[in-house]
Amino acid sequence: MDVEQLRHLKVDKTIDARGVACPGPLLEAKRAVTGVPLHGVMEVISSDEGTTEDVPLWARKVGHDYLGTVPDAGLWHVYVRKEK
Protein backbone atom coordinates (compact mmCIF):
# COMPACT_ATOMS: atom_id res chain seq x y z
CA MET A 1 0.00 0.00 0.00
CA ASP A 2 1.17 3.51 -0.65
CA VAL A 3 1.32 6.27 1.97
CA GLU A 4 -2.02 7.83 0.98
CA GLN A 5 -3.81 4.47 1.19
CA LEU A 6 -2.29 3.83 4.60
CA ARG A 7 -3.32 7.27 5.88
CA HIS A 8 -6.94 6.55 4.95
CA LEU A 9 -7.18 3.01 6.33
CA LYS A 10 -9.93 2.17 8.79
CA VAL A 11 -7.97 1.28 11.92
CA ASP A 12 -9.54 -1.07 14.47
CA LYS A 13 -6.97 -0.50 17.23
CA THR A 14 -4.26 2.11 17.75
CA ILE A 15 -1.27 1.49 20.01
CA ASP A 16 0.34 4.73 21.18
CA ALA A 17 3.92 3.78 22.02
CA ARG A 18 5.43 7.25 21.70
CA GLY A 19 8.31 7.69 24.12
CA VAL A 20 8.63 3.94 24.72
CA ALA A 21 12.07 2.47 23.97
CA CYS A 22 12.69 -0.79 22.12
CA PRO A 23 11.41 -3.48 22.62
CA GLY A 24 8.43 -1.77 24.28
CA PRO A 25 6.45 -0.89 21.12
CA LEU A 26 6.77 -4.47 19.85
CA LEU A 27 5.68 -5.91 23.20
CA GLU A 28 2.68 -3.56 23.27
CA ALA A 29 1.74 -4.64 19.74
CA LYS A 30 1.97 -8.32 20.67
CA ARG A 31 -0.36 -7.79 23.63
CA ALA A 32 -2.80 -5.59 21.76
CA VAL A 33 -3.24 -7.74 18.65
CA THR A 34 -5.46 -10.12 20.65
CA GLY A 35 -8.05 -7.31 20.85
CA VAL A 36 -8.11 -6.74 17.08
CA PRO A 37 -10.80 -8.56 15.09
CA LEU A 38 -9.74 -11.07 12.43
CA HIS A 39 -8.70 -9.12 9.30
CA GLY A 40 -8.79 -5.91 11.34
CA VAL A 41 -6.04 -3.31 11.18
CA MET A 42 -3.78 -2.33 14.06
CA GLU A 43 -1.75 0.89 13.99
CA VAL A 44 1.37 1.22 16.13
CA ILE A 45 2.55 4.81 16.65
CA SER A 46 6.15 4.93 17.84
CA SER A 47 8.96 7.41 18.30
CA ASP A 48 11.50 4.53 18.26
CA GLU A 49 12.75 3.98 14.71
CA GLY A 50 13.52 0.34 15.55
CA THR A 51 9.78 -0.29 15.53
CA THR A 52 9.85 0.09 11.74
CA GLU A 53 11.87 -3.13 11.57
CA ASP A 54 10.66 -5.01 14.66
CA VAL A 55 6.91 -4.91 14.05
CA PRO A 56 7.04 -5.96 10.35
CA LEU A 57 9.40 -8.86 11.17
CA TRP A 58 7.16 -10.04 14.00
CA ALA A 59 3.99 -9.67 11.89
CA ARG A 60 5.38 -11.79 9.07
CA LYS A 61 6.80 -14.37 11.47
CA VAL A 62 3.44 -14.99 13.17
CA GLY A 63 1.34 -14.82 10.00
CA HIS A 64 -0.12 -11.31 10.03
CA ASP A 65 0.02 -8.96 7.05
CA TYR A 66 2.39 -6.00 7.36
CA LEU A 67 0.74 -3.23 5.34
CA GLY A 68 3.36 -0.50 5.56
CA THR A 69 4.85 2.36 7.55
CA VAL A 70 4.18 6.09 7.35
CA PRO A 71 6.84 8.48 8.75
CA ASP A 72 5.43 11.59 10.41
CA ALA A 73 7.72 14.23 11.98
CA GLY A 74 9.84 11.94 14.18
CA LEU A 75 7.09 9.35 14.59
CA TRP A 76 6.31 6.21 12.66
CA HIS A 77 2.85 4.78 12.06
CA VAL A 78 3.15 1.03 11.40
CA TYR A 79 0.11 -0.83 10.05
CA VAL A 80 -0.60 -4.55 10.45
CA ARG A 81 -3.65 -6.59 9.39
CA LYS A 82 -4.49 -9.45 11.76
CA GLU A 83 -4.68 -12.67 9.76
CA LYS A 84 -5.10 -15.35 12.40
PDB file of N, CA and C in Angstrom:
ATOM      1  N   MET A   1       0.842  -1.187   0.000  1.00  0.00           N
ATOM      2  CA  MET A   1       0.000   0.000   0.000  1.00  0.00           C
ATOM      3  C   MET A   1       0.885   1.247   0.000  1.00  0.00           C
ATOM      4  N   ASP A   2       0.396   2.272  -0.666  1.00  0.00           N
ATOM      5  CA  ASP A   2       1.169   3.513  -0.649  1.00  0.00           C
ATOM      6  C   ASP A   2       0.773   4.358   0.568  1.00  0.00           C
ATOM      7  N   VAL A   3       1.496   5.433   0.782  1.00  0.00           N
ATOM      8  CA  VAL A   3       1.322   6.274   1.968  1.00  0.00           C
ATOM      9  C   VAL A   3      -0.105   6.817   2.062  1.00  0.00           C
ATOM     10  N   GLU A   4      -0.662   7.274   0.952  1.00  0.00           N
ATOM     11  CA  GLU A   4      -2.020   7.827   0.980  1.00  0.00           C
ATOM     12  C   GLU A   4      -3.050   6.762   1.358  1.00  0.00           C
ATOM     13  N   GLN A   5      -2.899   5.562   0.840  1.00  0.00           N
ATOM     14  CA  GLN A   5      -3.813   4.473   1.190  1.00  0.00           C
ATOM     15  C   GLN A   5      -3.706   4.147   2.676  1.00  0.00           C
ATOM     16  N   LEU A   6      -2.490   4.123   3.187  1.00  0.00           N
ATOM     17  CA  LEU A   6      -2.289   3.829   4.604  1.00  0.00           C
ATOM     18  C   LEU A   6      -2.915   4.916   5.478  1.00  0.00           C
ATOM     19  N   ARG A   7      -2.770   6.159   5.087  1.00  0.00           N
ATOM     20  CA  ARG A   7      -3.320   7.266   5.880  1.00  0.00           C
ATOM     21  C   ARG A   7      -4.843   7.230   5.952  1.00  0.00           C
ATOM     22  N   HIS A   8      -5.486   6.590   4.987  1.00  0.00           N
ATOM     23  CA  HIS A   8      -6.941   6.546   4.949  1.00  0.00           C
ATOM     24  C   HIS A   8      -7.525   5.196   5.339  1.00  0.00           C
ATOM     25  N   LEU A   9      -6.700   4.327   5.883  1.00  0.00           N
ATOM     26  CA  LEU A   9      -7.178   3.013   6.335  1.00  0.00           C
ATOM     27  C   LEU A   9      -8.129   3.145   7.519  1.00  0.00           C
ATOM     28  N   LYS A  10      -9.103   2.269   7.585  1.00  0.00           N
ATOM     29  CA  LYS A  10      -9.932   2.170   8.787  1.00  0.00           C
ATOM     30  C   LYS A  10      -9.131   1.336   9.789  1.00  0.00           C
ATOM     31  N   VAL A  11      -8.787   1.939  10.903  1.00  0.00           N
ATOM     32  CA  VAL A  11      -7.970   1.278  11.925  1.00  0.00           C
ATOM     33  C   VAL A  11      -8.893   0.782  13.040  1.00  0.00           C
ATOM     34  N   ASP A  12      -8.723  -0.485  13.417  1.00  0.00           N
ATOM     35  CA  ASP A  12      -9.544  -1.072  14.474  1.00  0.00           C
ATOM     36  C   ASP A  12      -8.954  -0.843  15.862  1.00  0.00           C
ATOM     37  N   LYS A  13      -7.629  -0.720  15.930  1.00  0.00           N
ATOM     38  CA  LYS A  13      -6.972  -0.499  17.227  1.00  0.00           C
ATOM     39  C   LYS A  13      -5.689   0.291  16.995  1.00  0.00           C
ATOM     40  N   THR A  14      -5.479   1.316  17.817  1.00  0.00           N
ATOM     41  CA  THR A  14      -4.260   2.114  17.748  1.00  0.00           C
ATOM     42  C   THR A  14      -3.472   1.932  19.034  1.00  0.00           C
ATOM     43  N   ILE A  15      -2.191   1.633  18.881  1.00  0.00           N
ATOM     44  CA  ILE A  15      -1.269   1.495  20.006  1.00  0.00           C
ATOM     45  C   ILE A  15      -0.392   2.738  20.008  1.00  0.00           C
ATOM     46  N   ASP A  16      -0.478   3.523  21.066  1.00  0.00           N
ATOM     47  CA  ASP A  16       0.338   4.728  21.176  1.00  0.00           C
ATOM     48  C   ASP A  16       1.570   4.404  22.021  1.00  0.00           C
ATOM     49  N   ALA A  17       2.676   4.146  21.341  1.00  0.00           N
ATOM     50  CA  ALA A  17       3.916   3.777  22.023  1.00  0.00           C
ATOM     51  C   ALA A  17       4.953   4.890  21.906  1.00  0.00           C
ATOM     52  N   ARG A  18       4.492   6.127  21.768  1.00  0.00           N
ATOM     53  CA  ARG A  18       5.425   7.254  21.704  1.00  0.00           C
ATOM     54  C   ARG A  18       6.171   7.363  23.030  1.00  0.00           C
ATOM     55  N   GLY A  19       7.490   7.545  22.931  1.00  0.00           N
ATOM     56  CA  GLY A  19       8.314   7.691  24.120  1.00  0.00           C
ATOM     57  C   GLY A  19       8.719   6.379  24.761  1.00  0.00           C
ATOM     58  N   VAL A  20       8.298   5.265  24.184  1.00  0.00           N
ATOM     59  CA  VAL A  20       8.632   3.943  24.716  1.00  0.00           C
ATOM     60  C   VAL A  20       9.810   3.394  23.921  1.00  0.00           C
ATOM     61  N   ALA A  21      10.868   2.981  24.635  1.00  0.00           N
ATOM     62  CA  ALA A  21      12.068   2.468  23.971  1.00  0.00           C
ATOM     63  C   ALA A  21      11.895   1.007  23.571  1.00  0.00           C
ATOM     64  N   CYS A  22      12.660   0.594  22.599  1.00  0.00           N
ATOM     65  CA  CYS A  22      12.695  -0.786  22.123  1.00  0.00           C
ATOM     66  C   CYS A  22      13.059  -1.710  23.293  1.00  0.00           C
ATOM     67  N   PRO A  23      12.408  -2.823  23.457  1.00  0.00           N
ATOM     68  CA  PRO A  23      11.411  -3.475  22.621  1.00  0.00           C
ATOM     69  C   PRO A  23       9.967  -3.160  23.024  1.00  0.00           C
ATOM     70  N   GLY A  24       9.752  -2.100  23.770  1.00  0.00           N
ATOM     71  CA  GLY A  24       8.426  -1.773  24.279  1.00  0.00           C
ATOM     72  C   GLY A  24       7.324  -1.700  23.238  1.00  0.00           C
ATOM     73  N   PRO A  25       7.519  -0.965  22.113  1.00  0.00           N
ATOM     74  CA  PRO A  25       6.450  -0.893  21.121  1.00  0.00           C
ATOM     75  C   PRO A  25       6.059  -2.270  20.563  1.00  0.00           C
ATOM     76  N   LEU A  26       7.057  -3.119  20.341  1.00  0.00           N
ATOM     77  CA  LEU A  26       6.767  -4.468  19.853  1.00  0.00           C
ATOM     78  C   LEU A  26       5.984  -5.265  20.889  1.00  0.00           C
ATOM     79  N   LEU A  27       6.387  -5.185  22.144  1.00  0.00           N
ATOM     80  CA  LEU A  27       5.676  -5.913  23.199  1.00  0.00           C
ATOM     81  C   LEU A  27       4.243  -5.414  23.325  1.00  0.00           C
ATOM     82  N   GLU A  28       4.040  -4.113  23.205  1.00  0.00           N
ATOM     83  CA  GLU A  28       2.685  -3.560  23.268  1.00  0.00           C
ATOM     84  C   GLU A  28       1.846  -4.048  22.094  1.00  0.00           C
ATOM     85  N   ALA A  29       2.448  -4.132  20.919  1.00  0.00           N
ATOM     86  CA  ALA A  29       1.738  -4.636  19.736  1.00  0.00           C
ATOM     87  C   ALA A  29       1.348  -6.102  19.916  1.00  0.00           C
ATOM     88  N   LYS A  30       2.263  -6.902  20.443  1.00  0.00           N
ATOM     89  CA  LYS A  30       1.972  -8.323  20.670  1.00  0.00           C
ATOM     90  C   LYS A  30       0.794  -8.500  21.619  1.00  0.00           C
ATOM     91  N   ARG A  31       0.743  -7.706  22.677  1.00  0.00           N
ATOM     92  CA  ARG A  31      -0.359  -7.794  23.633  1.00  0.00           C
ATOM     93  C   ARG A  31      -1.665  -7.306  23.014  1.00  0.00           C
ATOM     94  N   ALA A  32      -1.595  -6.233  22.275  1.00  0.00           N
ATOM     95  CA  ALA A  32      -2.798  -5.589  21.756  1.00  0.00           C
ATOM     96  C   ALA A  32      -3.447  -6.332  20.599  1.00  0.00           C
ATOM     97  N   VAL A  33      -2.683  -7.092  19.842  1.00  0.00           N
ATOM     98  CA  VAL A  33      -3.243  -7.738  18.655  1.00  0.00           C
ATOM     99  C   VAL A  33      -4.377  -8.706  19.019  1.00  0.00           C
ATOM    100  N   THR A  34      -4.390  -9.206  20.238  1.00  0.00           N
ATOM    101  CA  THR A  34      -5.463 -10.120  20.647  1.00  0.00           C
ATOM    102  C   THR A  34      -6.816  -9.403  20.668  1.00  0.00           C
ATOM    103  N   GLY A  35      -6.818  -8.085  20.824  1.00  0.00           N
ATOM    104  CA  GLY A  35      -8.052  -7.312  20.848  1.00  0.00           C
ATOM    105  C   GLY A  35      -8.488  -6.792  19.489  1.00  0.00           C
ATOM    106  N   VAL A  36      -7.774  -7.169  18.439  1.00  0.00           N
ATOM    107  CA  VAL A  36      -8.106  -6.737  17.081  1.00  0.00           C
ATOM    108  C   VAL A  36      -8.913  -7.852  16.422  1.00  0.00           C
ATOM    109  N   PRO A  37     -10.025  -7.513  15.757  1.00  0.00           N
ATOM    110  CA  PRO A  37     -10.802  -8.558  15.091  1.00  0.00           C
ATOM    111  C   PRO A  37     -10.028  -9.171  13.925  1.00  0.00           C
ATOM    112  N   LEU A  38     -10.367 -10.389  13.563  1.00  0.00           N
ATOM    113  CA  LEU A  38      -9.742 -11.066  12.432  1.00  0.00           C
ATOM    114  C   LEU A  38      -9.892 -10.187  11.194  1.00  0.00           C
ATOM    115  N   HIS A  39      -8.799  -9.976  10.485  1.00  0.00           N
ATOM    116  CA  HIS A  39      -8.701  -9.124   9.303  1.00  0.00           C
ATOM    117  C   HIS A  39      -8.817  -7.634   9.636  1.00  0.00           C
ATOM    118  N   GLY A  40      -8.794  -7.307  10.919  1.00  0.00           N
ATOM    119  CA  GLY A  40      -8.790  -5.912  11.345  1.00  0.00           C
ATOM    120  C   GLY A  40      -7.390  -5.333  11.253  1.00  0.00           C
ATOM    121  N   VAL A  41      -7.311  -4.016  11.326  1.00  0.00           N
ATOM    122  CA  VAL A  41      -6.038  -3.310  11.184  1.00  0.00           C
ATOM    123  C   VAL A  41      -5.627  -2.692  12.517  1.00  0.00           C
ATOM    124  N   MET A  42      -4.366  -2.917  12.866  1.00  0.00           N
ATOM    125  CA  MET A  42      -3.776  -2.329  14.063  1.00  0.00           C
ATOM    126  C   MET A  42      -2.730  -1.315  13.603  1.00  0.00           C
ATOM    127  N   GLU A  43      -2.734  -0.151  14.251  1.00  0.00           N
ATOM    128  CA  GLU A  43      -1.747   0.891  13.986  1.00  0.00           C
ATOM    129  C   GLU A  43      -0.874   1.036  15.229  1.00  0.00           C
ATOM    130  N   VAL A  44       0.430   0.993  15.035  1.00  0.00           N
ATOM    131  CA  VAL A  44       1.368   1.221  16.130  1.00  0.00           C
ATOM    132  C   VAL A  44       2.055   2.559  15.853  1.00  0.00           C
ATOM    133  N   ILE A  45       1.884   3.506  16.771  1.00  0.00           N
ATOM    134  CA  ILE A  45       2.547   4.806  16.648  1.00  0.00           C
ATOM    135  C   ILE A  45       3.745   4.785  17.590  1.00  0.00           C
ATOM    136  N   SER A  46       4.932   5.036  17.040  1.00  0.00           N
ATOM    137  CA  SER A  46       6.149   4.931  17.840  1.00  0.00           C
ATOM    138  C   SER A  46       7.124   6.049  17.502  1.00  0.00           C
ATOM    139  N   SER A  47       7.872   6.449  18.510  1.00  0.00           N
ATOM    140  CA  SER A  47       8.960   7.406  18.302  1.00  0.00           C
ATOM    141  C   SER A  47      10.307   6.681  18.208  1.00  0.00           C
ATOM    142  N   ASP A  48      10.288   5.351  18.346  1.00  0.00           N
ATOM    143  CA  ASP A  48      11.496   4.528  18.261  1.00  0.00           C
ATOM    144  C   ASP A  48      11.608   3.952  16.855  1.00  0.00           C
ATOM    145  N   GLU A  49      12.603   4.406  16.098  1.00  0.00           N
ATOM    146  CA  GLU A  49      12.747   3.977  14.708  1.00  0.00           C
ATOM    147  C   GLU A  49      12.893   2.465  14.564  1.00  0.00           C
ATOM    148  N   GLY A  50      13.388   1.792  15.595  1.00  0.00           N
ATOM    149  CA  GLY A  50      13.519   0.340  15.553  1.00  0.00           C
ATOM    150  C   GLY A  50      12.196  -0.376  15.349  1.00  0.00           C
ATOM    151  N   THR A  51      11.122   0.279  15.708  1.00  0.00           N
ATOM    152  CA  THR A  51       9.781  -0.290  15.531  1.00  0.00           C
ATOM    153  C   THR A  51       9.498  -0.557  14.059  1.00  0.00           C
ATOM    154  N   THR A  52      10.095   0.249  13.172  1.00  0.00           N
ATOM    155  CA  THR A  52       9.852   0.091  11.738  1.00  0.00           C
ATOM    156  C   THR A  52      10.429  -1.210  11.196  1.00  0.00           C
ATOM    157  N   GLU A  53      11.328  -1.825  11.946  1.00  0.00           N
ATOM    158  CA  GLU A  53      11.869  -3.134  11.571  1.00  0.00           C
ATOM    159  C   GLU A  53      11.264  -4.235  12.427  1.00  0.00           C
ATOM    160  N   ASP A  54      11.125  -3.982  13.724  1.00  0.00           N
ATOM    161  CA  ASP A  54      10.659  -5.007  14.659  1.00  0.00           C
ATOM    162  C   ASP A  54       9.233  -5.470  14.382  1.00  0.00           C
ATOM    163  N   VAL A  55       8.313  -4.541  14.221  1.00  0.00           N
ATOM    164  CA  VAL A  55       6.907  -4.909  14.046  1.00  0.00           C
ATOM    165  C   VAL A  55       6.684  -5.658  12.723  1.00  0.00           C
ATOM    166  N   PRO A  56       7.225  -5.191  11.581  1.00  0.00           N
ATOM    167  CA  PRO A  56       7.039  -5.962  10.352  1.00  0.00           C
ATOM    168  C   PRO A  56       7.616  -7.382  10.426  1.00  0.00           C
ATOM    169  N   LEU A  57       8.799  -7.521  11.034  1.00  0.00           N
ATOM    170  CA  LEU A  57       9.397  -8.859  11.168  1.00  0.00           C
ATOM    171  C   LEU A  57       8.515  -9.771  12.013  1.00  0.00           C
ATOM    172  N   TRP A  58       8.042  -9.263  13.142  1.00  0.00           N
ATOM    173  CA  TRP A  58       7.159 -10.037  14.003  1.00  0.00           C
ATOM    174  C   TRP A  58       5.867 -10.404  13.268  1.00  0.00           C
ATOM    175  N   ALA A  59       5.255  -9.426  12.587  1.00  0.00           N
ATOM    176  CA  ALA A  59       3.988  -9.673  11.890  1.00  0.00           C
ATOM    177  C   ALA A  59       4.134 -10.800  10.879  1.00  0.00           C
ATOM    178  N   ARG A  60       5.166 -10.750  10.084  1.00  0.00           N
ATOM    179  CA  ARG A  60       5.383 -11.789   9.068  1.00  0.00           C
ATOM    180  C   ARG A  60       5.662 -13.136   9.721  1.00  0.00           C
ATOM    181  N   LYS A  61       6.430 -13.124  10.787  1.00  0.00           N
ATOM    182  CA  LYS A  61       6.800 -14.368  11.470  1.00  0.00           C
ATOM    183  C   LYS A  61       5.579 -15.092  12.017  1.00  0.00           C
ATOM    184  N   VAL A  62       4.609 -14.353  12.560  1.00  0.00           N
ATOM    185  CA  VAL A  62       3.444 -14.990  13.174  1.00  0.00           C
ATOM    186  C   VAL A  62       2.257 -15.106  12.228  1.00  0.00           C
ATOM    187  N   GLY A  63       2.386 -14.622  10.995  1.00  0.00           N
ATOM    188  CA  GLY A  63       1.340 -14.816  10.001  1.00  0.00           C
ATOM    189  C   GLY A  63       0.373 -13.663   9.799  1.00  0.00           C
ATOM    190  N   HIS A  64       0.715 -12.482  10.292  1.00  0.00           N
ATOM    191  CA  HIS A  64      -0.116 -11.308  10.034  1.00  0.00           C
ATOM    192  C   HIS A  64       0.419 -10.605   8.780  1.00  0.00           C
ATOM    193  N   ASP A  65      -0.344  -9.657   8.269  1.00  0.00           N
ATOM    194  CA  ASP A  65       0.020  -8.960   7.047  1.00  0.00           C
ATOM    195  C   ASP A  65       0.537  -7.554   7.393  1.00  0.00           C
ATOM    196  N   TYR A  66       1.808  -7.336   7.177  1.00  0.00           N
ATOM    197  CA  TYR A  66       2.389  -6.002   7.362  1.00  0.00           C
ATOM    198  C   TYR A  66       1.975  -5.154   6.163  1.00  0.00           C
ATOM    199  N   LEU A  67       1.275  -4.057   6.421  1.00  0.00           N
ATOM    200  CA  LEU A  67       0.739  -3.228   5.344  1.00  0.00           C
ATOM    201  C   LEU A  67       1.648  -2.085   4.935  1.00  0.00           C
ATOM    202  N   GLY A  68       2.456  -1.588   5.888  1.00  0.00           N
ATOM    203  CA  GLY A  68       3.361  -0.505   5.562  1.00  0.00           C
ATOM    204  C   GLY A  68       3.583   0.425   6.739  1.00  0.00           C
ATOM    205  N   THR A  69       4.478   1.393   6.523  1.00  0.00           N
ATOM    206  CA  THR A  69       4.850   2.359   7.552  1.00  0.00           C
ATOM    207  C   THR A  69       4.782   3.767   6.963  1.00  0.00           C
ATOM    208  N   VAL A  70       4.253   4.690   7.762  1.00  0.00           N
ATOM    209  CA  VAL A  70       4.184   6.093   7.353  1.00  0.00           C
ATOM    210  C   VAL A  70       5.004   6.922   8.341  1.00  0.00           C
ATOM    211  N   PRO A  71       6.082   7.574   7.873  1.00  0.00           N
ATOM    212  CA  PRO A  71       6.839   8.480   8.746  1.00  0.00           C
ATOM    213  C   PRO A  71       6.071   9.786   8.926  1.00  0.00           C
ATOM    214  N   ASP A  72       6.184  10.364  10.131  1.00  0.00           N
ATOM    215  CA  ASP A  72       5.435  11.591  10.411  1.00  0.00           C
ATOM    216  C   ASP A  72       6.152  12.404  11.488  1.00  0.00           C
ATOM    217  N   ALA A  73       7.044  13.284  11.089  1.00  0.00           N
ATOM    218  CA  ALA A  73       7.721  14.225  11.982  1.00  0.00           C
ATOM    219  C   ALA A  73       8.309  13.567  13.231  1.00  0.00           C
ATOM    220  N   GLY A  74       9.190  12.598  13.039  1.00  0.00           N
ATOM    221  CA  GLY A  74       9.837  11.939  14.177  1.00  0.00           C
ATOM    222  C   GLY A  74       9.045  10.795  14.769  1.00  0.00           C
ATOM    223  N   LEU A  75       7.899  10.501  14.178  1.00  0.00           N
ATOM    224  CA  LEU A  75       7.086   9.354  14.591  1.00  0.00           C
ATOM    225  C   LEU A  75       6.932   8.423  13.397  1.00  0.00           C
ATOM    226  N   TRP A  76       6.601   7.177  13.706  1.00  0.00           N
ATOM    227  CA  TRP A  76       6.313   6.209  12.659  1.00  0.00           C
ATOM    228  C   TRP A  76       4.977   5.567  12.975  1.00  0.00           C
ATOM    229  N   HIS A  77       4.141   5.446  11.957  1.00  0.00           N
ATOM    230  CA  HIS A  77       2.850   4.775  12.055  1.00  0.00           C
ATOM    231  C   HIS A  77       2.992   3.469  11.276  1.00  0.00           C
ATOM    232  N   VAL A  78       2.951   2.352  12.001  1.00  0.00           N
ATOM    233  CA  VAL A  78       3.152   1.029  11.401  1.00  0.00           C
ATOM    234  C   VAL A  78       1.803   0.321  11.391  1.00  0.00           C
ATOM    235  N   TYR A  79       1.426  -0.227  10.233  1.00  0.00           N
ATOM    236  CA  TYR A  79       0.108  -0.833  10.052  1.00  0.00           C
ATOM    237  C   TYR A  79       0.222  -2.338   9.803  1.00  0.00           C
ATOM    238  N   VAL A  80      -0.598  -3.092  10.547  1.00  0.00           N
ATOM    239  CA  VAL A  80      -0.602  -4.551  10.453  1.00  0.00           C
ATOM    240  C   VAL A  80      -2.050  -5.021  10.391  1.00  0.00           C
ATOM    241  N   ARG A  81      -2.329  -5.960   9.462  1.00  0.00           N
ATOM    242  CA  ARG A  81      -3.650  -6.587   9.386  1.00  0.00           C
ATOM    243  C   ARG A  81      -3.584  -7.959  10.080  1.00  0.00           C
ATOM    244  N   LYS A  82      -4.464  -8.178  11.037  1.00  0.00           N
ATOM    245  CA  LYS A  82      -4.489  -9.453  11.759  1.00  0.00           C
ATOM    246  C   LYS A  82      -5.043 -10.533  10.840  1.00  0.00           C
ATOM    247  N   GLU A  83      -4.286 -11.595  10.668  1.00  0.00           N
ATOM    248  CA  GLU A  83      -4.680 -12.665   9.764  1.00  0.00           C
ATOM    249  C   GLU A  83      -4.957 -14.001  10.427  1.00  0.00           C
ATOM    250  N   LYS A  84      -4.785 -14.084  11.734  1.00  0.00           N
ATOM    251  CA  LYS A  84      -5.096 -15.355  12.404  1.00  0.00           C
ATOM    252  C   LYS A  84      -5.366 -15.138  13.863  1.00  0.00           C
TER     253      LYS A  84
END
